[in-house]
Amino acid sequence: MQDLFSEYGNVLSVKLVSDRETGRARGFGFVEMEDGDADAAIEALDNVSFGGRTLRVNEAKPRAPRPPRY
């Protein structure tokens, strides 16, 4: 992911999310970039095939508050 996104600007961090129990990838992650670079990457990489899968690239939104689990 770092190499793919770095074609469009400076990549600050990459976090691929994995399942806690199995350790397998959950199929999504987060790439942090500078604002202008991120816009270019979103435009260029959304709906592009990579590694046999179609990428869905968009800006992360804050997580909605969840009720307590107890």
N, C-alpha and C. Protein backbone atom coordinates (compact mmCIF):
# COMPACT_ATOMS: atom_id res chain seq x y z
N MET A 1 0.82 -1.19 0.00
CA MET A 1 0.00 0.00 0.00
C MET A 1 0.87 1.26 0.00
N GLN A 2 1.94 1.22 0.79
CA GLN A 2 2.84 2.38 0.89
C GLN A 2 3.35 2.76 -0.50
N ASP A 3 3.84 1.78 -1.25
CA ASP A 3 4.38 2.07 -2.58
C ASP A 3 3.30 2.56 -3.53
N LEU A 4 2.13 1.95 -3.49
CA LEU A 4 1.04 2.34 -4.38
C LEU A 4 0.62 3.79 -4.14
N PHE A 5 0.39 4.14 -2.88
CA PHE A 5 -0.07 5.49 -2.56
C PHE A 5 1.03 6.53 -2.68
N SER A 6 2.29 6.14 -2.50
CA SER A 6 3.38 7.12 -2.56
C SER A 6 3.58 7.68 -3.96
N GLU A 7 3.00 7.05 -4.97
CA GLU A 7 3.04 7.60 -6.33
C GLU A 7 2.27 8.92 -6.42
N TYR A 8 1.39 9.18 -5.45
CA TYR A 8 0.54 10.37 -5.49
C TYR A 8 0.89 11.39 -4.42
N GLY A 9 1.94 11.13 -3.63
CA GLY A 9 2.35 12.09 -2.62
C GLY A 9 3.00 11.42 -1.43
N ASN A 10 3.25 12.21 -0.41
CA ASN A 10 3.93 11.76 0.79
C ASN A 10 2.98 10.97 1.69
N VAL A 11 3.31 9.70 1.93
CA VAL A 11 2.51 8.83 2.80
C VAL A 11 3.04 8.98 4.22
N LEU A 12 2.17 9.39 5.15
CA LEU A 12 2.56 9.58 6.54
C LEU A 12 2.47 8.29 7.32
N SER A 13 1.44 7.47 7.08
CA SER A 13 1.31 6.19 7.77
C SER A 13 0.35 5.27 7.00
N VAL A 14 0.49 3.98 7.23
CA VAL A 14 -0.39 2.96 6.65
C VAL A 14 -0.78 2.00 7.77
N LYS A 15 -2.08 1.73 7.91
CA LYS A 15 -2.57 0.79 8.93
C LYS A 15 -3.57 -0.14 8.25
N LEU A 16 -3.19 -1.41 8.09
CA LEU A 16 -4.11 -2.41 7.56
C LEU A 16 -4.73 -3.14 8.73
N VAL A 17 -6.03 -3.26 8.73
CA VAL A 17 -6.77 -3.81 9.85
C VAL A 17 -6.87 -5.33 9.73
N SER A 18 -6.57 -6.01 10.83
CA SER A 18 -6.66 -7.47 10.84
C SER A 18 -7.61 -7.93 11.96
N ASP A 19 -8.14 -9.13 11.79
CA ASP A 19 -9.05 -9.72 12.76
C ASP A 19 -8.28 -10.07 14.03
N ARG A 20 -8.81 -9.74 15.18
CA ARG A 20 -8.13 -10.01 16.45
C ARG A 20 -7.95 -11.49 16.71
N GLU A 21 -8.92 -12.29 16.34
CA GLU A 21 -8.88 -13.72 16.66
C GLU A 21 -8.04 -14.52 15.68
N THR A 22 -8.21 -14.25 14.39
CA THR A 22 -7.53 -15.07 13.38
C THR A 22 -6.24 -14.43 12.87
N GLY A 23 -6.10 -13.11 13.00
CA GLY A 23 -4.93 -12.41 12.47
C GLY A 23 -4.99 -12.16 10.98
N ARG A 24 -6.07 -12.61 10.34
CA ARG A 24 -6.23 -12.40 8.89
C ARG A 24 -6.70 -10.98 8.61
N ALA A 25 -6.33 -10.47 7.45
CA ALA A 25 -6.74 -9.14 7.04
C ALA A 25 -8.25 -9.05 6.95
N ARG A 26 -8.80 -7.92 7.37
CA ARG A 26 -10.25 -7.73 7.32
C ARG A 26 -10.70 -7.09 6.02
N GLY A 27 -9.76 -6.71 5.17
CA GLY A 27 -10.11 -6.18 3.86
C GLY A 27 -10.18 -4.67 3.78
N PHE A 28 -9.72 -3.99 4.83
CA PHE A 28 -9.68 -2.53 4.76
C PHE A 28 -8.54 -2.01 5.60
N GLY A 29 -8.22 -0.75 5.37
CA GLY A 29 -7.14 -0.14 6.12
C GLY A 29 -7.19 1.37 5.98
N PHE A 30 -6.18 2.02 6.50
CA PHE A 30 -6.12 3.48 6.50
C PHE A 30 -4.75 3.92 6.02
N VAL A 31 -4.73 4.87 5.10
CA VAL A 31 -3.50 5.48 4.62
C VAL A 31 -3.59 6.95 4.95
N GLU A 32 -2.63 7.45 5.70
CA GLU A 32 -2.62 8.86 6.08
C GLU A 32 -1.64 9.60 5.18
N MET A 33 -2.15 10.68 4.54
CA MET A 33 -1.35 11.49 3.63
C MET A 33 -1.64 12.97 3.90
N GLU A 34 -0.82 13.83 3.34
CA GLU A 34 -1.10 15.26 3.41
C GLU A 34 -2.34 15.54 2.57
N ASP A 35 -3.11 16.59 2.93
CA ASP A 35 -4.42 16.84 2.32
C ASP A 35 -4.43 16.86 0.79
N GLY A 36 -3.59 17.65 0.18
CA GLY A 36 -3.58 17.74 -1.29
C GLY A 36 -3.20 16.43 -1.93
N ASP A 37 -2.26 15.73 -1.32
CA ASP A 37 -1.83 14.44 -1.84
C ASP A 37 -2.94 13.41 -1.71
N ALA A 38 -3.66 13.45 -0.61
CA ALA A 38 -4.75 12.50 -0.37
C ALA A 38 -5.83 12.66 -1.43
N ASP A 39 -6.17 13.89 -1.76
CA ASP A 39 -7.19 14.14 -2.78
C ASP A 39 -6.78 13.54 -4.12
N ALA A 40 -5.51 13.69 -4.48
CA ALA A 40 -5.01 13.13 -5.74
C ALA A 40 -5.06 11.61 -5.71
N ALA A 41 -4.70 10.99 -4.59
CA ALA A 41 -4.72 9.53 -4.47
C ALA A 41 -6.15 9.00 -4.54
N ILE A 42 -7.07 9.66 -3.88
CA ILE A 42 -8.48 9.24 -3.92
C ILE A 42 -8.99 9.27 -5.34
N GLU A 43 -8.72 10.35 -6.03
CA GLU A 43 -9.18 10.51 -7.42
C GLU A 43 -8.58 9.43 -8.32
N ALA A 44 -7.31 9.13 -8.14
CA ALA A 44 -6.62 8.21 -9.03
C ALA A 44 -6.87 6.74 -8.71
N LEU A 45 -7.05 6.40 -7.44
CA LEU A 45 -7.07 4.98 -7.05
C LEU A 45 -8.45 4.40 -6.74
N ASP A 46 -9.48 5.22 -6.62
CA ASP A 46 -10.81 4.70 -6.32
C ASP A 46 -11.30 3.84 -7.48
N ASN A 47 -11.77 2.64 -7.18
CA ASN A 47 -12.29 1.66 -8.15
C ASN A 47 -11.22 1.12 -9.10
N VAL A 48 -9.96 1.10 -8.67
CA VAL A 48 -8.87 0.54 -9.45
C VAL A 48 -8.61 -0.89 -8.96
N SER A 49 -8.30 -1.80 -9.87
CA SER A 49 -7.99 -3.18 -9.50
C SER A 49 -6.55 -3.25 -8.99
N PHE A 50 -6.37 -3.90 -7.82
CA PHE A 50 -5.05 -4.05 -7.22
C PHE A 50 -5.00 -5.40 -6.52
N GLY A 51 -4.08 -6.24 -6.90
CA GLY A 51 -3.95 -7.55 -6.27
C GLY A 51 -5.19 -8.41 -6.41
N GLY A 52 -5.89 -8.28 -7.51
CA GLY A 52 -7.09 -9.08 -7.74
C GLY A 52 -8.35 -8.56 -7.07
N ARG A 53 -8.26 -7.38 -6.44
CA ARG A 53 -9.43 -6.79 -5.76
C ARG A 53 -9.61 -5.36 -6.24
N THR A 54 -10.85 -4.90 -6.22
CA THR A 54 -11.13 -3.52 -6.58
C THR A 54 -11.02 -2.65 -5.33
N LEU A 55 -10.17 -1.64 -5.40
CA LEU A 55 -9.98 -0.74 -4.26
C LEU A 55 -11.12 0.25 -4.17
N ARG A 56 -11.54 0.50 -2.97
CA ARG A 56 -12.52 1.55 -2.68
C ARG A 56 -11.77 2.55 -1.81
N VAL A 57 -11.45 3.70 -2.38
CA VAL A 57 -10.63 4.70 -1.69
C VAL A 57 -11.48 5.93 -1.41
N ASN A 58 -11.60 6.31 -0.14
CA ASN A 58 -12.34 7.51 0.22
C ASN A 58 -11.76 8.09 1.51
N GLU A 59 -12.25 9.26 1.87
CA GLU A 59 -11.78 9.91 3.09
C GLU A 59 -12.44 9.26 4.30
N ALA A 60 -11.64 9.01 5.33
CA ALA A 60 -12.17 8.41 6.56
C ALA A 60 -13.06 9.42 7.27
N LYS A 61 -14.15 8.93 7.81
CA LYS A 61 -15.07 9.76 8.59
C LYS A 61 -14.96 9.37 10.07
N PRO A 62 -15.20 10.30 10.98
CA PRO A 62 -15.14 9.95 12.40
C PRO A 62 -16.17 8.86 12.74
N ARG A 63 -15.81 7.99 13.63
CA ARG A 63 -16.69 6.91 14.05
C ARG A 63 -17.83 7.47 14.89
N ALA A 64 -19.04 7.00 14.61
CA ALA A 64 -20.20 7.43 15.38
C ALA A 64 -20.12 6.84 16.79
N PRO A 65 -20.58 7.57 17.79
CA PRO A 65 -20.56 7.03 19.16
C PRO A 65 -21.42 5.78 19.26
N ARG A 66 -20.94 4.81 20.02
CA ARG A 66 -21.68 3.56 20.21
C ARG A 66 -22.13 3.47 21.66
N PRO A 67 -23.28 2.84 21.87
CA PRO A 67 -23.75 2.66 23.25
C PRO A 67 -22.83 1.69 23.99
N PRO A 68 -22.81 1.76 25.32
CA PRO A 68 -21.98 0.83 26.10
C PRO A 68 -22.35 -0.61 25.81
N ARG A 69 -21.39 -1.51 25.91
CA ARG A 69 -21.60 -2.93 25.58
C ARG A 69 -22.07 -3.73 26.79
N TYR A 70 -22.30 -3.14 27.91
CA TYR A 70 -22.73 -3.89 29.10
C TYR A 70 -24.09 -3.47 29.56
